[in-house]
PDB file of N, CA and C in Angstrom:
ATOM      1  N   UNK A   1     123.119 118.863 110.172  1.00  0.00           N
ATOM      2  CA  UNK A   1     122.962 118.914 108.728  1.00  0.00           C
ATOM      3  C   UNK A   1     121.865 119.916 108.310  1.00  0.00           C
ATOM      4  N   UNK A   2     122.236 120.811 107.394  1.00  0.00           N
ATOM      5  CA  UNK A   2     121.262 121.778 106.963  1.00  0.00           C
ATOM      6  C   UNK A   2     120.844 121.480 105.549  1.00  0.00           C
ATOM      7  N   UNK A   3     119.410 121.616 105.392  1.00  0.00           N
ATOM      8  CA  UNK A   3     118.738 121.182 104.159  1.00  0.00           C
ATOM      9  C   UNK A   3     117.639 121.989 103.932  1.00  0.00           C
ATOM     10  N   UNK A   4     117.094 122.119 102.869  1.00  0.00           N
ATOM     11  CA  UNK A   4     115.650 122.683 102.557  1.00  0.00           C
ATOM     12  C   UNK A   4     114.705 121.722 102.312  1.00  0.00           C
ATOM     13  N   UNK A   5     113.474 121.728 102.853  1.00  0.00           N
ATOM     14  CA  UNK A   5     112.413 120.853 102.635  1.00  0.00           C
ATOM     15  C   UNK A   5     111.324 121.595 102.082  1.00  0.00           C
ATOM     16  N   UNK A   6     110.563 120.949 101.032  1.00  0.00           N
ATOM     17  CA  UNK A   6     109.339 121.372 100.498  1.00  0.00           C
ATOM     18  C   UNK A   6     108.288 120.697 101.179  1.00  0.00           C
ATOM     19  N   UNK A   7     107.411 121.290 101.949  1.00  0.00           N
ATOM     20  CA  UNK A   7     106.307 120.556 102.725  1.00  0.00           C
ATOM     21  C   UNK A   7     105.068 120.677 101.949  1.00  0.00           C
ATOM     22  N   UNK A   8     104.243 119.747 101.971  1.00  0.00           N
ATOM     23  CA  UNK A   8     102.845 119.843 101.598  1.00  0.00           C
ATOM     24  C   UNK A   8     102.132 120.623 102.537  1.00  0.00           C
ATOM     25  N   UNK A   9     101.051 121.354 102.060  1.00  0.00           N
ATOM     26  CA  UNK A   9     100.296 122.170 102.894  1.00  0.00           C
ATOM     27  C   UNK A   9      99.701 121.563 104.248  1.00  0.00           C
ATOM     28  N   UNK A  10      99.246 120.271 103.892  1.00  0.00           N
ATOM     29  CA  UNK A  10      98.548 119.689 105.201  1.00  0.00           C
ATOM     30  C   UNK A  10      99.774 119.359 106.236  1.00  0.00           C
ATOM     31  N   UNK A  11     101.026 118.880 105.763  1.00  0.00           N
ATOM     32  CA  UNK A  11     102.104 118.571 106.722  1.00  0.00           C
ATOM     33  C   UNK A  11     102.442 119.900 107.336  1.00  0.00           C
ATOM     34  N   UNK A  12     102.604 121.024 106.690  1.00  0.00           N
ATOM     35  CA  UNK A  12     103.041 122.288 107.236  1.00  0.00           C
ATOM     36  C   UNK A  12     102.154 122.818 108.236  1.00  0.00           C
ATOM     37  N   UNK A  13     100.794 122.477 107.920  1.00  0.00           N
ATOM     38  CA  UNK A  13      99.708 122.931 108.912  1.00  0.00           C
ATOM     39  C   UNK A  13      99.705 121.982 110.192  1.00  0.00           C
ATOM     40  N   UNK A  14      99.940 120.806 110.183  1.00  0.00           N
ATOM     41  CA  UNK A  14      99.847 119.951 111.258  1.00  0.00           C
ATOM     42  C   UNK A  14     101.274 120.334 112.078  1.00  0.00           C
ATOM     43  N   UNK A  15     102.435 120.511 111.364  1.00  0.00           N
ATOM     44  CA  UNK A  15     103.662 120.949 112.187  1.00  0.00           C
ATOM     45  C   UNK A  15     103.277 122.254 112.846  1.00  0.00           C
ATOM     46  N   UNK A  16     102.695 123.195 112.278  1.00  0.00           N
ATOM     47  CA  UNK A  16     102.380 124.488 112.950  1.00  0.00           C
ATOM     48  C   UNK A  16     101.482 124.156 114.119  1.00  0.00           C
ATOM     49  N   UNK A  17     100.538 123.413 113.983  1.00  0.00           N
ATOM     50  CA  UNK A  17      99.560 123.106 115.083  1.00  0.00           C
ATOM     51  C   UNK A  17     100.356 122.443 116.281  1.00  0.00           C
ATOM     52  N   UNK A  18     101.180 121.473 115.929  1.00  0.00           N
ATOM     53  CA  UNK A  18     101.984 120.891 117.072  1.00  0.00           C
ATOM     54  C   UNK A  18     102.942 121.779 117.770  1.00  0.00           C
ATOM     55  N   UNK A  19     103.630 122.705 116.911  1.00  0.00           N
ATOM     56  CA  UNK A  19     104.461 123.599 117.505  1.00  0.00           C
ATOM     57  C   UNK A  19     103.785 124.436 118.416  1.00  0.00           C
ATOM     58  N   UNK A  20     102.575 124.945 118.054  1.00  0.00           N
ATOM     59  CA  UNK A  20     102.128 125.976 118.969  1.00  0.00           C
ATOM     60  C   UNK A  20     101.485 125.246 120.253  1.00  0.00           C
ATOM     61  N   UNK A  21     101.095 123.900 120.177  1.00  0.00           N
ATOM     62  CA  UNK A  21     100.562 123.124 121.149  1.00  0.00           C
ATOM     63  C   UNK A  21     101.658 123.024 122.224  1.00  0.00           C
ATOM     64  N   UNK A  22     102.830 122.686 121.739  1.00  0.00           N
ATOM     65  CA  UNK A  22     104.105 122.297 122.584  1.00  0.00           C
ATOM     66  C   UNK A  22     104.836 123.417 122.914  1.00  0.00           C
ATOM     67  N   UNK A  23     104.847 124.416 122.155  1.00  0.00           N
ATOM     68  CA  UNK A  23     105.559 125.606 122.292  1.00  0.00           C
ATOM     69  C   UNK A  23     107.089 125.495 122.171  1.00  0.00           C
ATOM     70  N   UNK A  24     107.390 124.768 121.158  1.00  0.00           N
ATOM     71  CA  UNK A  24     108.757 124.412 120.791  1.00  0.00           C
ATOM     72  C   UNK A  24     109.091 124.946 119.379  1.00  0.00           C
ATOM     73  N   UNK A  25     110.312 124.854 118.986  1.00  0.00           N
ATOM     74  CA  UNK A  25     110.605 125.401 117.683  1.00  0.00           C
ATOM     75  C   UNK A  25     110.404 124.470 116.458  1.00  0.00           C
ATOM     76  N   UNK A  26     110.512 124.870 115.267  1.00  0.00           N
ATOM     77  CA  UNK A  26     110.234 124.078 114.125  1.00  0.00           C
ATOM     78  C   UNK A  26     111.216 122.790 114.019  1.00  0.00           C
ATOM     79  N   UNK A  27     112.497 123.289 114.278  1.00  0.00           N
ATOM     80  CA  UNK A  27     113.558 122.312 113.951  1.00  0.00           C
ATOM     81  C   UNK A  27     113.410 121.086 114.980  1.00  0.00           C
ATOM     82  N   UNK A  28     112.868 121.489 116.224  1.00  0.00           N
ATOM     83  CA  UNK A  28     112.739 120.360 117.173  1.00  0.00           C
ATOM     84  C   UNK A  28     111.533 119.425 116.849  1.00  0.00           C
ATOM     85  N   UNK A  29     110.472 120.004 116.300  1.00  0.00           N
ATOM     86  CA  UNK A  29     109.178 119.239 116.017  1.00  0.00           C
ATOM     87  C   UNK A  29     109.591 118.413 114.606  1.00  0.00           C
ATOM     88  N   UNK A  30     110.289 118.918 113.678  1.00  0.00           N
ATOM     89  CA  UNK A  30     110.523 118.275 112.515  1.00  0.00           C
ATOM     90  C   UNK A  30     111.549 117.104 112.690  1.00  0.00           C
ATOM     91  N   UNK A  31     112.493 117.294 113.656  1.00  0.00           N
ATOM     92  CA  UNK A  31     113.397 116.339 113.940  1.00  0.00           C
ATOM     93  C   UNK A  31     112.665 115.238 114.801  1.00  0.00           C
ATOM     94  N   UNK A  32     111.861 115.570 115.558  1.00  0.00           N
ATOM     95  CA  UNK A  32     111.098 114.394 116.433  1.00  0.00           C
ATOM     96  C   UNK A  32     110.219 113.612 115.566  1.00  0.00           C
ATOM     97  N   UNK A  33     109.545 114.362 114.639  1.00  0.00           N
ATOM     98  CA  UNK A  33     108.576 113.788 113.718  1.00  0.00           C
ATOM     99  C   UNK A  33     109.347 112.673 112.870  1.00  0.00           C
ATOM    100  N   UNK A  34     110.417 113.191 112.158  1.00  0.00           N
ATOM    101  CA  UNK A  34     111.255 112.285 111.212  1.00  0.00           C
ATOM    102  C   UNK A  34     111.785 111.197 112.123  1.00  0.00           C
ATOM    103  N   UNK A  35     112.254 111.339 113.280  1.00  0.00           N
ATOM    104  CA  UNK A  35     112.827 110.407 114.146  1.00  0.00           C
ATOM    105  C   UNK A  35     111.714 109.295 114.339  1.00  0.00           C
ATOM    106  N   UNK A  36     110.625 109.654 114.848  1.00  0.00           N
ATOM    107  CA  UNK A  36     109.522 108.715 114.962  1.00  0.00           C
ATOM    108  C   UNK A  36     109.037 107.997 113.792  1.00  0.00           C
ATOM    109  N   UNK A  37     108.872 108.826 112.692  1.00  0.00           N
ATOM    110  CA  UNK A  37     108.441 108.137 111.407  1.00  0.00           C
ATOM    111  C   UNK A  37     109.347 107.365 110.925  1.00  0.00           C
ATOM    112  N   UNK A  38     110.693 107.671 110.902  1.00  0.00           N
ATOM    113  CA  UNK A  38     111.767 106.794 110.205  1.00  0.00           C
ATOM    114  C   UNK A  38     111.920 105.493 111.061  1.00  0.00           C
ATOM    115  N   UNK A  39     111.734 105.553 112.452  1.00  0.00           N
ATOM    116  CA  UNK A  39     111.893 104.286 113.083  1.00  0.00           C
ATOM    117  C   UNK A  39     110.601 103.295 112.775  1.00  0.00           C
ATOM    118  N   UNK A  40     109.428 103.968 112.590  1.00  0.00           N
ATOM    119  CA  UNK A  40     108.329 103.242 112.267  1.00  0.00           C
ATOM    120  C   UNK A  40     108.569 102.635 110.756  1.00  0.00           C
ATOM    121  N   UNK A  41     109.078 103.348 109.921  1.00  0.00           N
ATOM    122  CA  UNK A  41     109.197 102.856 108.543  1.00  0.00           C
ATOM    123  C   UNK A  41     110.415 101.824 108.418  1.00  0.00           C
ATOM    124  N   UNK A  42     111.346 101.930 109.337  1.00  0.00           N
ATOM    125  CA  UNK A  42     112.520 100.978 109.222  1.00  0.00           C
ATOM    126  C   UNK A  42     112.184  99.677 110.074  1.00  0.00           C
ATOM    127  N   UNK A  43     111.122  99.539 110.884  1.00  0.00           N
ATOM    128  CA  UNK A  43     110.990  98.459 111.664  1.00  0.00           C
ATOM    129  C   UNK A  43     110.294  97.430 110.685  1.00  0.00           C
ATOM    130  N   UNK A  44     110.418  96.103 110.991  1.00  0.00           N
ATOM    131  CA  UNK A  44     109.916  95.089 110.078  1.00  0.00           C
ATOM    132  C   UNK A  44     108.374  95.107 110.227  1.00  0.00           C
ATOM    133  N   UNK A  45     107.671  94.833 109.282  1.00  0.00           N
ATOM    134  CA  UNK A  45     106.140  94.797 109.214  1.00  0.00           C
ATOM    135  C   UNK A  45     105.691  93.917 110.464  1.00  0.00           C
ATOM    136  N   UNK A  46     104.695  94.437 110.977  1.00  0.00           N
ATOM    137  CA  UNK A  46     103.974  93.629 112.086  1.00  0.00           C
ATOM    138  C   UNK A  46     103.435  92.353 111.512  1.00  0.00           C
ATOM    139  N   UNK A  47     103.583  91.248 112.293  1.00  0.00           N
ATOM    140  CA  UNK A  47     102.959  90.024 111.819  1.00  0.00           C
ATOM    141  C   UNK A  47     101.519  90.036 112.285  1.00  0.00           C
ATOM    142  N   UNK A  48     100.596  89.649 111.502  1.00  0.00           N
ATOM    143  CA  UNK A  48      99.304  89.605 111.755  1.00  0.00           C
ATOM    144  C   UNK A  48      98.930  88.016 111.935  1.00  0.00           C
ATOM    145  N   UNK A  49      98.001  87.682 112.858  1.00  0.00           N
ATOM    146  CA  UNK A  49      97.598  86.374 113.091  1.00  0.00           C
ATOM    147  C   UNK A  49      96.610  86.183 111.932  1.00  0.00           C
ATOM    148  N   UNK A  50      96.511  84.928 111.595  1.00  0.00           N
ATOM    149  CA  UNK A  50      95.703  84.392 110.424  1.00  0.00           C
ATOM    150  C   UNK A  50      94.167  84.590 110.825  1.00  0.00           C
ATOM    151  N   UNK A  51      93.500  85.037 109.996  1.00  0.00           N
ATOM    152  CA  UNK A  51      91.970  85.244 110.129  1.00  0.00           C
ATOM    153  C   UNK A  51      91.226  83.965 109.777  1.00  0.00           C
ATOM    154  N   UNK A  52      90.468  83.450 110.654  1.00  0.00           N
ATOM    155  CA  UNK A  52      89.728  82.247 110.306  1.00  0.00           C
ATOM    156  C   UNK A  52      88.256  82.442 110.482  1.00  0.00           C
ATOM    157  N   UNK A  53      87.471  81.784 109.731  1.00  0.00           N
ATOM    158  CA  UNK A  53      86.173  81.832 109.674  1.00  0.00           C
ATOM    159  C   UNK A  53      85.465  80.518 110.038  1.00  0.00           C
ATOM    160  N   UNK A  54      84.434  80.586 110.586  1.00  0.00           N
ATOM    161  CA  UNK A  54      83.781  79.234 111.045  1.00  0.00           C
ATOM    162  C   UNK A  54      82.778  78.956 109.925  1.00  0.00           C
ATOM    163  N   UNK A  55      82.855  77.593 109.343  1.00  0.00           N
ATOM    164  CA  UNK A  55      81.915  77.408 108.240  1.00  0.00           C
ATOM    165  C   UNK A  55      80.523  77.207 108.762  1.00  0.00           C
ATOM    166  N   UNK A  56      79.575  77.338 107.930  1.00  0.00           N
ATOM    167  CA  UNK A  56      78.079  77.178 108.310  1.00  0.00           C
ATOM    168  C   UNK A  56      77.388  76.488 107.132  1.00  0.00           C
ATOM    169  N   UNK A  57      76.673  75.538 107.663  1.00  0.00           N
ATOM    170  CA  UNK A  57      76.019  74.690 106.592  1.00  0.00           C
ATOM    171  C   UNK A  57      74.747  75.568 106.056  1.00  0.00           C
ATOM    172  N   UNK A  58      74.608  75.701 104.728  1.00  0.00           N
ATOM    173  CA  UNK A  58      73.528  76.535 104.130  1.00  0.00           C
ATOM    174  C   UNK A  58      72.456  75.613 103.512  1.00  0.00           C
ATOM    175  N   UNK A  59      72.670  74.349 103.596  1.00  0.00           N
ATOM    176  CA  UNK A  59      71.766  73.588 103.050  1.00  0.00           C
ATOM    177  C   UNK A  59      72.141  73.308 101.581  1.00  0.00           C
ATOM    178  N   UNK A  60      71.168  72.554 100.693  1.00  0.00           N
ATOM    179  CA  UNK A  60      71.457  72.279  99.608  1.00  0.00           C
ATOM    180  C   UNK A  60      71.392  73.344  98.515  1.00  0.00           C
ATOM    181  N   UNK A  61      72.109  73.239  97.395  1.00  0.00           N
ATOM    182  CA  UNK A  61      72.203  74.376  96.386  1.00  0.00           C
ATOM    183  C   UNK A  61      70.874  74.038  95.548  1.00  0.00           C
ATOM    184  N   UNK A  62      70.046  75.137  95.283  1.00  0.00           N
ATOM    185  CA  UNK A  62      68.916  75.056  94.436  1.00  0.00           C
ATOM    186  C   UNK A  62      69.244  75.255  93.020  1.00  0.00           C
ATOM    187  N   UNK A  63      70.309  75.717  92.609  1.00  0.00           N
ATOM    188  CA  UNK A  63      70.750  75.926  91.197  1.00  0.00           C
ATOM    189  C   UNK A  63      71.298  74.602  90.563  1.00  0.00           C
ATOM    190  N   UNK A  64      70.995  74.439  89.380  1.00  0.00           N
ATOM    191  CA  UNK A  64      71.424  73.159  88.644  1.00  0.00           C
ATOM    192  C   UNK A  64      72.854  73.063  88.448  1.00  0.00           C
ATOM    193  N   UNK A  65      73.531  74.112  87.887  1.00  0.00           N
ATOM    194  CA  UNK A  65      74.932  74.220  87.857  1.00  0.00           C
ATOM    195  C   UNK A  65      75.465  75.540  88.050  1.00  0.00           C
ATOM    196  N   UNK A  66      76.456  75.722  89.015  1.00  0.00           N
ATOM    197  CA  UNK A  66      77.057  76.966  89.298  1.00  0.00           C
ATOM    198  C   UNK A  66      78.131  77.385  88.372  1.00  0.00           C
ATOM    199  N   UNK A  67      78.776  76.506  87.606  1.00  0.00           N
ATOM    200  CA  UNK A  67      79.719  76.766  86.669  1.00  0.00           C
ATOM    201  C   UNK A  67      79.375  77.290  85.351  1.00  0.00           C
ATOM    202  N   UNK A  68      78.119  77.346  85.128  1.00  0.00           N
ATOM    203  CA  UNK A  68      77.459  77.851  83.882  1.00  0.00           C
ATOM    204  C   UNK A  68      76.667  79.287  84.239  1.00  0.00           C
ATOM    205  N   UNK A  69      77.364  80.321  84.054  1.00  0.00           N
ATOM    206  CA  UNK A  69      76.779  81.659  84.440  1.00  0.00           C
ATOM    207  C   UNK A  69      75.641  81.930  83.766  1.00  0.00           C
ATOM    208  N   UNK A  70      75.564  81.726  82.518  1.00  0.00           N
ATOM    209  CA  UNK A  70      74.235  82.035  81.798  1.00  0.00           C
ATOM    210  C   UNK A  70      73.271  81.224  82.191  1.00  0.00           C
ATOM    211  N   UNK A  71      73.532  79.834  82.469  1.00  0.00           N
ATOM    212  CA  UNK A  71      72.453  79.017  82.941  1.00  0.00           C
ATOM    213  C   UNK A  71      71.928  79.459  84.371  1.00  0.00           C
ATOM    214  N   UNK A  72      72.793  79.877  85.211  1.00  0.00           N
ATOM    215  CA  UNK A  72      72.347  80.410  86.546  1.00  0.00           C
ATOM    216  C   UNK A  72      71.468  81.644  86.262  1.00  0.00           C
ATOM    217  N   UNK A  73      71.924  82.539  85.461  1.00  0.00           N
ATOM    218  CA  UNK A  73      70.955  83.842  85.307  1.00  0.00           C
ATOM    219  C   UNK A  73      69.643  83.463  84.573  1.00  0.00           C
ATOM    220  N   UNK A  74      69.746  82.508  83.611  1.00  0.00           N
ATOM    221  CA  UNK A  74      68.466  82.057  82.950  1.00  0.00           C
ATOM    222  C   UNK A  74      67.620  81.434  84.105  1.00  0.00           C
ATOM    223  N   UNK A  75      68.035  80.652  84.967  1.00  0.00           N
ATOM    224  CA  UNK A  75      67.296  79.996  85.934  1.00  0.00           C
ATOM    225  C   UNK A  75      66.687  81.038  86.947  1.00  0.00           C
ATOM    226  N   UNK A  76      67.501  81.976  87.397  1.00  0.00           N
ATOM    227  CA  UNK A  76      67.034  83.068  88.320  1.00  0.00           C
ATOM    228  C   UNK A  76      65.951  83.798  87.668  1.00  0.00           C
ATOM    229  N   UNK A  77      66.069  84.191  86.337  1.00  0.00           N
ATOM    230  CA  UNK A  77      65.018  85.060  85.641  1.00  0.00           C
ATOM    231  C   UNK A  77      63.780  84.207  85.172  1.00  0.00           C
ATOM    232  N   UNK A  78      63.816  82.934  85.394  1.00  0.00           N
ATOM    233  CA  UNK A  78      62.731  81.944  84.867  1.00  0.00           C
ATOM    234  C   UNK A  78      61.524  82.049  86.016  1.00  0.00           C
ATOM    235  N   UNK A  79      60.477  81.469  85.614  1.00  0.00           N
ATOM    236  CA  UNK A  79      59.456  81.365  86.484  1.00  0.00           C
ATOM    237  C   UNK A  79      59.507  80.285  87.527  1.00  0.00           C
ATOM    238  N   UNK A  80      60.523  79.313  87.296  1.00  0.00           N
ATOM    239  CA  UNK A  80      60.767  78.337  88.210  1.00  0.00           C
ATOM    240  C   UNK A  80      61.291  78.871  89.557  1.00  0.00           C
ATOM    241  N   UNK A  81      61.967  79.939  89.416  1.00  0.00           N
ATOM    242  CA  UNK A  81      62.730  80.632  90.627  1.00  0.00           C
ATOM    243  C   UNK A  81      61.710  81.254  91.395  1.00  0.00           C
ATOM    244  N   UNK A  82      60.572  81.888  90.782  1.00  0.00           N
ATOM    245  CA  UNK A  82      59.714  82.648  91.615  1.00  0.00           C
ATOM    246  C   UNK A  82      58.696  81.885  92.167  1.00  0.00           C
TER     247      UNK A  82
END
């Protein structure tokens, strides 16, 4: 299949760098890159194991009420906190 591609500058530079390093033609490098990239894109997403944290006891809460944001700010700015 013959087609025309417009490549971004960074992609074109990387293709040229790989071409020089391997000493092969542009067609071969583009086909290989597309083949590898398309296989990765077509594969199902990798399953990640669940991330678990270990709880740590921090002691009692020194604030009167955590649901009242203005109350927490007032408490932290008061002389009681210092």
